[in-house]
């Protein structure tokens, strides 16, 4: 059943990224978090996200703008390490609060609070017009790399911030997408290298065949989604996904999930 649910969601999530405005990691992370501890869920999501981007890199990589990749990507790589180490520091911290509901004990944990708040923030970032339309001058690319890299390393949320900084670089559509994919791969490599220690320590909790299955499902979702619909945003669907993410995040922060 775990395979079925995660693969179906991975397939649908990958397809949804083509027209919902949300990235694969944003949608897939909550699903993994239902079956694994949050730090493992982030690691598994990172692996699927990396292989999915690697697939795109092979197809689109030649269009990437090297100047932008270096200006944005180098700070992103460095701060992705910091973000990943912040995740490691938060893992295992004592609960902030515990309470009983219907004779069941629940715990509010620092890591879940941070990840839940980030999910809410990035969900709102994609649906509130003033936040959604944020753009930054290209001279701030290194700062954009710092922010995107750090949050990418911490929770995997990097796409929205990356787009806000790259949108003003006047790249062609192909170059914009390809440059974003290259930078995303760089951040994923950085954070996975830090997560590797946790992967080794908690290898019994990891299900590699599940990761492979979810990755393949994501490939098919991207392929068929691209065949069915062009890169457009369906506002209603975007708001629905954001609402569900926010509801999940609230339960996540409260320790119910």
Protein backbone atom coordinates (compact mmCIF):
# COMPACT_ATOMS: atom_id res chain seq x y z
CA UNK A 1 0.00 0.00 0.00
CA UNK A 2 2.91 2.37 0.80
CA UNK A 3 4.28 1.81 -2.71
CA UNK A 4 0.92 2.44 -4.33
CA UNK A 5 0.18 5.67 -2.44
CA UNK A 6 3.65 7.19 -2.79
CA UNK A 7 4.04 6.25 -6.46
CA UNK A 8 0.59 7.57 -7.38
CA UNK A 9 1.25 10.84 -5.53
CA UNK A 10 4.72 11.11 -7.06
CA UNK A 11 3.25 10.64 -10.54
CA UNK A 12 0.46 13.16 -9.92
CA UNK A 13 2.78 15.62 -8.14
CA UNK A 14 5.24 15.58 -11.00
CA UNK A 15 2.43 16.20 -13.46
CA UNK A 16 0.96 18.92 -11.24
CA UNK A 17 4.25 20.86 -11.28
CA UNK A 18 3.57 21.59 -14.95
CA UNK A 19 0.45 23.63 -14.23
CA UNK A 20 -0.08 24.11 -10.49
CA UNK A 21 2.93 26.33 -9.81
CA UNK A 22 4.25 24.05 -7.06
CA UNK A 23 7.46 22.05 -7.23
CA UNK A 24 7.73 18.28 -6.97
CA UNK A 25 9.44 18.46 -3.57
CA UNK A 26 6.78 20.74 -2.07
CA UNK A 27 4.02 18.27 -2.89
CA UNK A 28 5.96 15.04 -2.33
CA UNK A 29 7.49 15.93 1.06
CA UNK A 30 4.18 15.78 3.00
CA UNK A 31 3.46 12.36 1.51
CA UNK A 32 6.80 10.90 2.56
CA UNK A 33 6.31 12.53 5.98
CA UNK A 34 3.20 10.40 6.48
CA UNK A 35 5.31 7.23 6.31
CA UNK A 36 8.75 8.25 7.61
CA UNK A 37 10.33 10.54 10.26
CA UNK A 38 10.53 14.08 8.88
CA UNK A 39 14.32 14.10 8.40
CA UNK A 40 14.10 10.85 6.43
CA UNK A 41 11.15 12.23 4.44
CA UNK A 42 13.25 15.26 3.47
CA UNK A 43 16.14 12.99 2.45
CA UNK A 44 13.92 10.73 0.34
CA UNK A 45 12.29 13.74 -1.30
CA UNK A 46 15.74 15.17 -2.05
CA UNK A 47 16.81 11.96 -3.79
CA UNK A 48 13.67 11.81 -5.95
CA UNK A 49 13.97 15.55 -6.64
CA UNK A 50 17.62 15.17 -7.68
CA UNK A 51 17.02 12.30 -10.09
CA UNK A 52 14.02 14.07 -11.58
CA UNK A 53 16.15 17.18 -12.15
CA UNK A 54 18.99 15.05 -13.51
CA UNK A 55 16.55 13.73 -16.09
CA UNK A 56 15.67 17.33 -17.05
CA UNK A 57 19.36 18.29 -17.04
CA UNK A 58 20.17 15.73 -19.72
CA UNK A 59 17.45 17.17 -21.94
CA UNK A 60 17.79 20.90 -21.21
CA UNK A 61 21.23 21.42 -19.65
CA UNK A 62 22.91 22.74 -22.81
CA UNK A 63 20.70 25.86 -22.70
CA UNK A 64 21.89 26.94 -19.21
CA UNK A 65 23.50 30.36 -18.83
CA UNK A 66 26.93 29.73 -17.29
CA UNK A 67 27.33 33.27 -15.94
CA UNK A 68 24.04 33.09 -14.02
CA UNK A 69 24.76 29.54 -12.86
CA UNK A 70 28.05 30.68 -11.31
CA UNK A 71 26.69 33.91 -9.80
CA UNK A 72 23.70 32.19 -8.23
CA UNK A 73 24.93 28.62 -7.92
CA UNK A 74 28.17 29.05 -5.98
CA UNK A 75 26.52 30.84 -3.00
CA UNK A 76 23.64 28.36 -3.28
CA UNK A 77 25.99 25.37 -2.96
CA UNK A 78 27.73 26.84 0.09
CA UNK A 79 24.54 27.77 1.93
CA UNK A 80 22.83 24.51 1.03
CA UNK A 81 25.44 22.92 3.30
CA UNK A 82 24.46 25.32 6.11
CA UNK A 83 20.79 24.57 5.58
CA UNK A 84 21.40 20.82 5.64
CA UNK A 85 23.45 21.11 8.83
CA UNK A 86 20.65 23.18 10.39
CA UNK A 87 18.32 20.28 9.60
CA UNK A 88 20.71 17.87 11.32
CA UNK A 89 20.89 20.15 14.37
CA UNK A 90 17.10 20.35 14.65
CA UNK A 91 16.72 16.58 14.36
CA UNK A 92 16.38 14.94 17.74
CA UNK A 93 15.88 18.14 19.79
CA UNK A 94 13.55 17.73 22.75
CA UNK A 95 9.86 18.52 22.12
CA UNK A 96 8.82 22.10 22.81
CA UNK A 97 5.50 21.04 24.28
CA UNK A 98 3.35 17.96 24.74
CA UNK A 99 -0.38 17.58 25.27
CA UNK A 100 -3.06 14.94 25.46
CA UNK A 101 -6.05 14.75 23.12
CA UNK A 102 -8.64 11.96 23.27
CA UNK A 103 -6.33 10.00 25.57
CA UNK A 104 -3.47 10.16 23.10
CA UNK A 105 -0.16 11.95 23.67
CA UNK A 106 1.05 14.44 21.06
CA UNK A 107 4.38 16.27 20.84
CA UNK A 108 5.23 19.61 19.25
CA UNK A 109 8.78 19.13 17.97
CA UNK A 110 11.18 21.89 16.81
CA UNK A 111 11.91 20.25 13.45
CA UNK A 112 8.23 19.76 12.62
CA UNK A 113 7.47 23.35 13.62
CA UNK A 114 10.20 24.71 11.33
CA UNK A 115 9.27 22.50 8.36
CA UNK A 116 5.55 23.12 8.87
CA UNK A 117 6.03 26.89 8.95
CA UNK A 118 8.18 26.75 5.82
CA UNK A 119 5.51 24.71 4.03
CA UNK A 120 2.90 27.31 4.97
CA UNK A 121 5.16 30.20 3.92
CA UNK A 122 6.01 28.73 0.51
CA UNK A 123 2.38 27.72 -0.08
CA UNK A 124 1.34 31.33 0.55
CA UNK A 125 4.25 32.55 -1.57
CA UNK A 126 2.67 30.81 -4.56
CA UNK A 127 -0.89 32.12 -4.15
CA UNK A 128 -0.67 35.64 -2.67
CA UNK A 129 -0.26 37.99 -5.68
CA UNK A 130 2.19 40.40 -4.03
CA UNK A 131 4.41 37.53 -2.92
CA UNK A 132 3.92 35.44 -6.05
CA UNK A 133 5.04 38.30 -8.30
CA UNK A 134 8.19 39.12 -6.34
CA UNK A 135 11.12 40.00 -8.57
CA UNK A 136 14.65 41.06 -7.67
CA UNK A 137 17.23 42.93 -9.69
CA UNK A 138 19.85 40.67 -11.26
CA UNK A 139 22.58 42.36 -9.20
CA UNK A 140 21.19 40.49 -6.19
CA UNK A 141 21.77 37.05 -7.74
CA UNK A 142 24.40 36.02 -5.16
CA UNK A 143 22.01 36.93 -2.32
CA UNK A 144 19.31 34.92 -4.07
CA UNK A 145 21.72 31.99 -4.14
CA UNK A 146 22.25 32.34 -0.40
CA UNK A 147 18.51 32.24 0.35
CA UNK A 148 17.60 29.54 -2.16
CA UNK A 149 20.56 27.40 -1.14
CA UNK A 150 19.90 27.67 2.58
CA UNK A 151 16.21 26.84 2.41
CA UNK A 152 16.91 24.19 -0.21
CA UNK A 153 19.33 22.52 2.19
CA UNK A 154 17.00 22.88 5.16
CA UNK A 155 13.69 21.71 3.71
CA UNK A 156 14.10 21.43 -0.06
CA UNK A 157 12.18 24.64 -0.78
CA UNK A 158 14.31 26.43 -3.34
CA UNK A 159 12.31 26.86 -6.54
CA UNK A 160 10.11 29.84 -5.67
CA UNK A 161 13.00 31.95 -4.39
CA UNK A 162 15.21 30.92 -7.28
CA UNK A 163 12.59 31.98 -9.82
CA UNK A 164 12.07 35.36 -8.11
CA UNK A 165 15.76 36.16 -8.58
CA UNK A 166 16.24 34.62 -12.04
CA UNK A 167 13.15 36.20 -13.62
CA UNK A 168 14.93 39.56 -14.06
CA UNK A 169 17.97 38.09 -15.83
CA UNK A 170 16.24 38.38 -19.24
CA UNK A 171 17.01 34.78 -20.13
CA UNK A 172 15.11 33.02 -22.88
CA UNK A 173 12.47 30.51 -21.76
CA UNK A 174 14.80 27.59 -22.52
CA UNK A 175 17.76 29.21 -20.76
CA UNK A 176 15.62 30.18 -17.75
CA UNK A 177 14.38 26.61 -17.24
CA UNK A 178 17.76 25.02 -17.94
CA UNK A 179 19.62 27.40 -15.64
CA UNK A 180 17.14 26.68 -12.85
CA UNK A 181 17.56 22.93 -13.35
CA UNK A 182 21.37 23.15 -13.19
CA UNK A 183 21.23 25.21 -9.98
CA UNK A 184 18.65 22.84 -8.46
CA UNK A 185 20.94 19.89 -9.17
CA UNK A 186 23.86 21.72 -7.54
CA UNK A 187 21.83 22.38 -4.40
CA UNK A 188 20.55 18.80 -4.32
CA UNK A 189 24.08 17.40 -4.55
CA UNK A 190 25.20 19.66 -1.68
CA UNK A 191 22.38 18.75 0.65
CA UNK A 192 22.37 15.03 -0.15
CA UNK A 193 26.10 14.90 0.66
CA UNK A 194 25.26 16.21 4.15
CA UNK A 195 22.21 13.96 4.47
CA UNK A 196 24.44 10.98 3.57
CA UNK A 197 25.51 10.50 7.19
CA UNK A 198 21.89 10.25 8.29
CA UNK A 199 21.20 7.89 5.40
CA UNK A 200 23.94 5.57 6.67
CA UNK A 201 22.90 5.89 10.32
CA UNK A 202 19.22 5.22 9.58
CA UNK A 203 19.57 2.90 6.60
CA UNK A 204 17.06 0.50 8.15
CA UNK A 205 14.37 3.18 7.85
CA UNK A 206 15.13 3.87 4.19
CA UNK A 207 13.42 1.95 1.44
CA UNK A 208 15.54 2.35 -1.68
CA UNK A 209 13.20 0.38 -3.90
CA UNK A 210 10.44 2.78 -2.84
CA UNK A 211 12.64 5.75 -3.81
CA UNK A 212 13.35 4.19 -7.21
CA UNK A 213 9.66 3.49 -7.77
CA UNK A 214 8.71 7.06 -6.77
CA UNK A 215 11.42 8.46 -9.07
CA UNK A 216 10.19 6.44 -12.05
CA UNK A 217 6.62 7.53 -11.28
CA UNK A 218 7.78 11.16 -11.22
CA UNK A 219 9.43 10.72 -14.62
CA UNK A 220 6.20 9.37 -16.10
CA UNK A 221 4.22 12.17 -14.45
CA UNK A 222 6.47 14.82 -16.02
CA UNK A 223 6.40 13.08 -19.41
CA UNK A 224 2.65 12.57 -19.67
CA UNK A 225 1.85 15.88 -18.00
CA UNK A 226 3.94 17.63 -20.63
CA UNK A 227 2.01 15.81 -23.34
CA UNK A 228 -1.38 16.74 -21.90
CA UNK A 229 -0.92 20.38 -20.98
CA UNK A 230 1.44 23.25 -21.63
CA UNK A 231 3.22 25.12 -18.85
CA UNK A 232 0.25 27.14 -17.60
CA UNK A 233 -1.09 27.84 -14.16
CA UNK A 234 -4.61 26.82 -13.19
CA UNK A 235 -5.48 29.23 -10.39
CA UNK A 236 -8.19 27.11 -8.78
CA UNK A 237 -5.95 24.05 -8.64
CA UNK A 238 -3.07 26.10 -7.28
CA UNK A 239 -5.23 27.46 -4.45
CA UNK A 240 -6.57 23.98 -3.67
CA UNK A 241 -3.05 22.52 -3.41
CA UNK A 242 -1.95 25.47 -1.24
CA UNK A 243 -4.96 25.01 1.06
CA UNK A 244 -4.22 21.29 1.48
CA UNK A 245 -0.55 22.02 2.17
CA UNK A 246 -1.48 24.56 4.85
CA UNK A 247 -3.92 22.15 6.52
CA UNK A 248 -1.28 19.41 6.48
CA UNK A 249 1.31 21.82 7.92
CA UNK A 250 -0.94 22.83 10.82
CA UNK A 251 -1.52 19.18 11.79
CA UNK A 252 2.19 18.55 11.28
CA UNK A 253 3.21 21.39 13.61
CA UNK A 254 0.72 20.21 16.24
CA UNK A 255 2.27 16.74 16.13
CA UNK A 256 -0.95 15.08 14.99
CA UNK A 257 0.83 13.85 11.85
